[in-house]
Protein backbone atom coordinates (compact mmCIF):
# COMPACT_ATOMS: atom_id res chain seq x y z
CA MET A 1 0.00 0.00 0.00
CA ARG A 2 2.82 2.34 0.96
CA LYS A 3 4.55 1.70 -2.38
CA ARG A 4 1.35 2.58 -4.24
CA VAL A 5 1.02 5.86 -2.34
CA LEU A 6 4.65 6.76 -3.02
CA PHE A 7 4.23 5.86 -6.68
CA ALA A 8 1.12 8.01 -6.92
CA LEU A 9 2.87 10.95 -5.26
CA ALA A 10 5.85 10.59 -7.59
CA ALA A 11 3.53 10.54 -10.59
CA MET A 12 1.79 13.70 -9.37
CA VAL A 13 5.15 15.46 -8.91
CA LEU A 14 6.21 14.50 -12.44
CA LEU A 15 2.86 15.63 -13.82
CA CYS A 16 3.09 18.99 -12.05
CA SER A 17 6.69 19.41 -13.20
CA ALA A 18 5.75 18.68 -16.81
CA SER A 19 2.82 21.06 -16.50
CA ILE A 20 5.08 23.88 -15.28
CA GLN A 21 7.62 23.21 -18.06
CA ALA A 22 4.83 23.23 -20.62
CA CYS A 23 3.83 26.79 -19.67
CA VAL A 24 5.48 28.73 -22.46
CA LEU A 25 4.25 32.11 -23.63
CA ARG A 26 5.21 32.84 -27.23
CA MET A 27 5.41 36.55 -27.89
CA ALA A 28 5.58 38.23 -31.28
CA ALA A 29 8.54 40.60 -31.59
CA GLU A 30 9.83 42.63 -34.50
CA THR A 31 13.43 43.68 -34.98
CA ASP A 32 13.83 46.73 -32.76
CA PHE A 33 10.99 48.94 -31.50
CA PRO A 34 12.79 51.04 -28.88
CA PRO A 35 12.26 51.74 -26.06
CA HIS A 36 9.75 48.88 -25.89
CA LEU A 37 11.48 46.09 -27.82
CA ILE A 38 15.25 46.35 -28.26
CA LEU A 39 17.24 43.55 -29.86
CA ARG A 40 20.77 43.13 -28.50
CA GLU A 41 23.38 40.40 -28.99
CA GLN A 42 22.47 38.98 -25.58
CA GLY A 43 18.76 38.89 -26.41
CA TRP A 44 15.64 41.05 -26.18
CA GLN A 45 15.51 44.06 -23.87
CA GLY A 46 13.24 47.06 -23.41
CA GLN A 47 10.21 48.23 -21.50
CA SER A 48 7.71 45.70 -22.86
CA VAL A 49 10.21 42.88 -22.49
CA GLU A 50 10.90 43.64 -18.83
CA LEU A 51 7.21 43.98 -18.02
CA LEU A 52 6.42 40.65 -19.67
CA GLN A 53 9.32 38.94 -17.95
CA LEU A 54 7.90 40.08 -14.61
CA LEU A 55 4.43 38.85 -15.58
CA ALA A 56 5.66 35.49 -16.89
CA LYS A 57 7.68 34.89 -13.73
CA GLU A 58 4.68 35.74 -11.57
CA VAL A 59 2.54 33.06 -13.26
CA GLY A 60 5.37 30.52 -13.55
CA CYS A 61 5.79 30.59 -17.32
CA GLU A 62 8.70 30.81 -19.72
CA LEU A 63 8.71 33.72 -22.18
CA VAL A 64 9.82 32.98 -25.75
CA PHE A 65 10.18 35.61 -28.48
CA VAL A 66 9.16 34.85 -32.07
CA ASN A 67 10.15 37.25 -34.85
CA SER A 68 7.01 38.16 -36.75
CA PRO A 69 5.73 41.32 -38.53
CA TRP A 70 2.75 43.01 -36.91
CA LEU A 71 -0.04 42.02 -39.30
CA ARG A 72 1.13 38.40 -39.47
CA SER A 73 1.36 38.32 -35.67
CA LEU A 74 -2.32 39.17 -35.30
CA ALA A 75 -3.24 36.32 -37.64
CA GLN A 76 -0.95 33.92 -35.75
CA LEU A 77 -2.59 34.86 -32.45
CA LYS A 78 -5.96 33.90 -33.91
CA SER A 79 -4.65 30.64 -35.38
CA GLY A 80 -2.86 29.61 -32.18
CA GLU A 81 0.72 29.93 -33.47
CA LEU A 82 1.46 32.72 -30.96
CA ASP A 83 0.22 33.54 -27.47
CA LEU A 84 0.63 37.28 -27.12
CA VAL A 85 1.59 40.57 -28.66
CA SER A 86 2.33 43.98 -27.14
CA HIS A 87 0.88 47.38 -28.04
CA LEU A 88 -2.60 46.16 -28.91
CA SER A 89 -5.35 48.78 -28.90
CA TYR A 90 -8.70 47.64 -27.56
CA SER A 91 -11.69 47.50 -29.87
CA ASP A 92 -15.01 45.65 -29.86
CA ALA A 93 -13.98 43.92 -33.08
CA ARG A 94 -10.93 42.39 -31.38
CA LYS A 95 -12.43 41.24 -28.09
CA ALA A 96 -13.64 37.91 -29.49
CA ASP A 97 -10.06 36.83 -30.28
CA PHE A 98 -7.93 38.65 -27.71
CA ALA A 99 -7.80 39.22 -23.96
CA PHE A 100 -6.34 42.62 -23.05
CA ILE A 101 -4.01 42.74 -20.01
CA GLY A 102 -2.79 46.15 -18.90
CA PRO A 103 -2.52 48.80 -20.15
CA HIS A 104 1.27 48.73 -20.27
CA HIS A 105 1.74 52.01 -22.17
CA ILE A 106 -0.17 55.14 -23.22
CA GLU A 107 0.51 55.36 -26.93
CA SER A 108 0.77 58.85 -28.40
CA ILE A 109 0.95 58.63 -32.18
CA TRP A 110 2.25 61.76 -33.85
CA LEU A 111 2.99 62.82 -37.39
CA ILE A 112 6.79 63.10 -37.28
CA GLY A 113 9.12 64.76 -39.73
CA ASP A 114 11.61 67.56 -40.33
CA PRO A 115 9.59 70.82 -40.10
CA SER A 116 12.20 72.71 -42.12
CA LYS A 117 11.39 70.51 -45.12
CA LEU A 118 7.61 70.34 -44.79
CA PRO A 119 4.69 72.72 -45.27
CA LYS A 120 3.19 74.00 -42.02
CA ILE A 121 0.46 71.86 -40.50
CA GLU A 122 -1.65 72.96 -37.52
CA GLN A 123 -4.12 70.11 -37.16
CA LEU A 124 -4.63 66.62 -38.54
CA ASN A 125 -7.62 67.65 -40.64
CA ASP A 126 -5.40 70.01 -42.65
CA LEU A 127 -4.27 66.89 -44.51
CA SER A 128 -7.77 66.24 -45.84
CA ASP A 129 -7.53 68.83 -48.61
CA LYS A 130 -5.07 71.62 -47.69
CA VAL A 131 -1.61 70.26 -46.90
CA ASP A 132 0.22 67.76 -49.09
CA LEU A 133 3.20 66.13 -47.33
CA GLY A 134 4.03 63.93 -50.30
CA ARG A 135 4.59 60.50 -48.73
CA ILE A 136 3.69 59.45 -45.17
CA ALA A 137 4.72 56.02 -43.82
CA LYS A 138 2.20 54.09 -41.73
CA LEU A 139 2.40 50.58 -40.30
CA ASN A 140 0.22 48.07 -42.11
CA GLY A 141 -2.49 46.83 -39.73
CA ALA A 142 -1.93 49.50 -37.07
CA TYR A 143 -4.85 51.43 -35.59
CA TYR A 144 -4.53 55.22 -35.56
CA GLY A 145 -7.95 56.20 -34.28
CA GLU A 146 -11.37 57.03 -35.69
CA GLU A 147 -10.41 60.49 -36.97
CA PHE A 148 -7.54 58.99 -38.95
CA GLU A 149 -9.81 56.28 -40.40
CA LEU A 150 -12.22 58.95 -41.65
CA LEU A 151 -9.32 60.95 -43.05
CA GLU A 152 -8.11 57.88 -44.99
CA GLN A 153 -11.34 57.99 -46.97
CA LYS A 154 -10.33 61.35 -48.43
CA PRO A 155 -8.54 60.77 -51.78
CA PHE A 156 -6.30 63.81 -51.24
CA PHE A 157 -4.90 62.26 -48.06
CA ALA A 158 -5.09 58.58 -48.99
CA ARG A 159 -2.68 59.00 -51.91
CA GLN A 160 -0.03 60.35 -49.50
CA LEU A 161 0.04 57.17 -47.40
CA VAL A 162 2.65 54.46 -47.80
CA SER A 163 1.97 51.19 -45.96
CA ILE A 164 5.00 49.33 -44.60
CA SER A 165 5.17 45.92 -42.95
CA SER A 166 7.67 46.54 -40.14
CA ILE A 167 8.29 49.29 -37.61
CA GLN A 168 12.05 49.42 -38.09
CA ASP A 169 11.66 50.50 -41.73
CA LYS A 170 10.11 53.85 -40.81
CA LEU A 171 13.25 55.68 -39.73
CA ALA A 172 15.27 54.22 -42.59
CA LEU A 173 12.72 55.46 -45.12
CA LEU A 174 12.65 58.89 -43.49
CA GLU A 175 16.44 59.19 -43.48
CA ALA A 176 16.64 58.07 -47.10
CA GLY A 177 14.09 60.67 -48.18
CA ARG A 178 11.74 58.00 -49.51
CA VAL A 179 9.01 59.35 -47.23
CA ASN A 180 8.65 62.86 -45.86
CA ALA A 181 6.89 61.99 -42.60
CA ILE A 182 5.98 58.97 -40.50
CA LEU A 183 3.32 58.02 -38.00
CA GLU A 184 5.05 56.99 -34.78
CA ASP A 185 4.77 56.90 -31.00
CA GLN A 186 6.38 59.89 -29.29
CA SER A 187 8.29 57.55 -26.95
CA VAL A 188 10.12 56.14 -29.99
CA LEU A 189 11.14 59.61 -31.20
CA HIS A 190 12.35 60.41 -27.67
CA TYR A 191 14.50 57.26 -27.70
CA TRP A 192 15.97 58.07 -31.11
CA GLN A 193 16.93 61.55 -29.96
CA THR A 194 18.31 60.65 -26.52
CA HIS A 195 20.42 57.88 -28.10
CA GLN A 196 21.56 60.21 -30.90
CA TYR A 197 20.27 58.29 -33.88
CA LYS A 198 21.37 59.74 -37.22
CA ASN A 199 19.41 62.94 -38.06
CA ALA A 200 16.97 62.28 -35.19
CA LYS A 201 17.56 65.76 -33.77
CA ASN A 202 16.02 67.21 -36.94
CA TYR A 203 12.71 65.43 -36.48
CA GLN A 204 9.81 66.79 -34.47
CA ALA A 205 6.36 65.67 -33.42
CA LEU A 206 4.26 67.89 -35.70
CA VAL A 207 0.66 67.06 -34.88
CA LEU A 208 -1.03 64.55 -32.56
CA VAL A 209 -2.84 61.83 -34.49
CA TYR A 210 -4.12 59.51 -31.78
CA GLN A 211 -3.63 58.81 -28.08
CA SER A 212 -4.81 55.66 -26.37
CA PRO A 213 -3.83 53.01 -23.83
CA VAL A 214 -2.32 49.88 -25.35
CA TYR A 215 -2.34 46.38 -23.88
CA PHE A 216 -0.65 43.03 -23.99
CA GLY A 217 -3.01 41.07 -26.22
CA PHE A 218 -3.30 37.39 -25.28
CA SER A 219 -4.73 34.75 -27.59
CA LYS A 220 -8.07 33.30 -26.54
CA THR A 221 -7.30 30.40 -28.87
CA THR A 222 -4.30 29.12 -26.92
CA LEU A 223 -4.95 30.33 -23.37
CA SER A 224 -7.77 29.11 -21.12
CA LYS A 225 -10.06 31.48 -19.24
CA ALA A 226 -8.46 30.28 -16.00
CA MET A 227 -5.01 31.21 -17.29
CA LEU A 228 -6.19 34.61 -18.47
CA ILE A 229 -7.66 35.32 -15.03
CA LYS A 230 -4.36 34.23 -13.48
CA LEU A 231 -2.50 36.68 -15.73
CA GLN A 232 -4.96 39.44 -14.85
CA LYS A 233 -4.44 38.91 -11.11
CA ALA A 234 -0.67 38.75 -11.55
CA TRP A 235 -0.65 42.08 -13.43
CA GLN A 236 -2.79 43.67 -10.71
CA LYS A 237 -0.35 42.41 -8.07
CA LEU A 238 2.66 43.78 -9.95
CA PHE A 239 0.92 47.13 -10.27
CA GLU A 240 0.07 47.32 -6.58
CA GLN A 241 3.66 46.40 -5.64
CA GLY A 242 4.95 49.28 -7.79
CA ASP A 243 6.92 46.97 -10.10
CA ILE A 244 5.21 48.26 -13.25
CA GLU A 245 5.81 51.91 -12.46
CA LYS A 246 9.42 51.23 -11.50
CA THR A 247 10.06 49.47 -14.81
CA VAL A 248 8.39 52.11 -16.98
CA LYS A 249 10.26 54.95 -15.29
CA ARG A 250 13.56 53.42 -16.37
CA TYR A 251 12.55 54.08 -19.98
CA GLN A 252 10.26 57.10 -19.83
CA SER A 253 10.08 60.25 -17.75
CA THR A 254 6.29 60.60 -17.86
CA THR A 255 4.05 59.60 -14.99
CA THR A 256 2.49 56.14 -15.04
CA ASP A 257 -0.61 57.00 -12.99
CA VAL A 258 -2.72 56.48 -16.11
CA LEU A 259 -1.53 52.86 -16.32
CA THR A 260 -4.08 51.82 -13.69
CA PRO A 261 -5.13 48.26 -14.66
CA SER A 262 -8.24 48.04 -16.81
CA THR A 263 -7.92 44.48 -18.09
CA LYS A 264 -10.57 43.28 -20.54
CA LEU A 265 -11.01 39.53 -20.79
């Protein structure tokens, strides 16, 4: 009888151990999106990386990074090939496929360019029929707000847009003169300038396009409701302990009061 009990206990230990090892969170990551995703020789770093490492550790999971462009990543989350992505804006259309944990960042998308080489622009709507910037790079599949979506329907503005598949191409296109402006988060411009990227000092945030909280989007295909609740509670705990604010302040000078958890499962 004693041998049976010991055997059963050993089997349970092995089962639990296998279960823990099987907890792997596969995150989509593009090549360099500072200060949030920064690829170094020793691996991935950055604000989003550190926050996810804290979260994964809290729930006892391993975090694995998979290189994948943004639009493909969203499809892979739905198909079950990936488990999560960062910087996902909430929308009713997305809630069937994704659980939103966070927010982890307040995204401020601006029209960015060299003002000395561009016509003056005072508000976003000027681009509907008054101001022609030539070519503006936007990320394929990214959400820039309702006002921008309405503006895209204007032929005068729509012909100025150039869709690209990866974030890292934006600065290269701007430097090469292949586009005259880009749509980008202000935190990225701040990183370029503080780390003295080539010509970054010449670029300015010209007009605010969209501001919104962004979340870690978890796949409802691969993760159970119980696991999503576990992640939600872990994020809340990290927030209350001050770990989230401490991490964000290492990368940004702005206050993180607005990062109060508002998870949507």
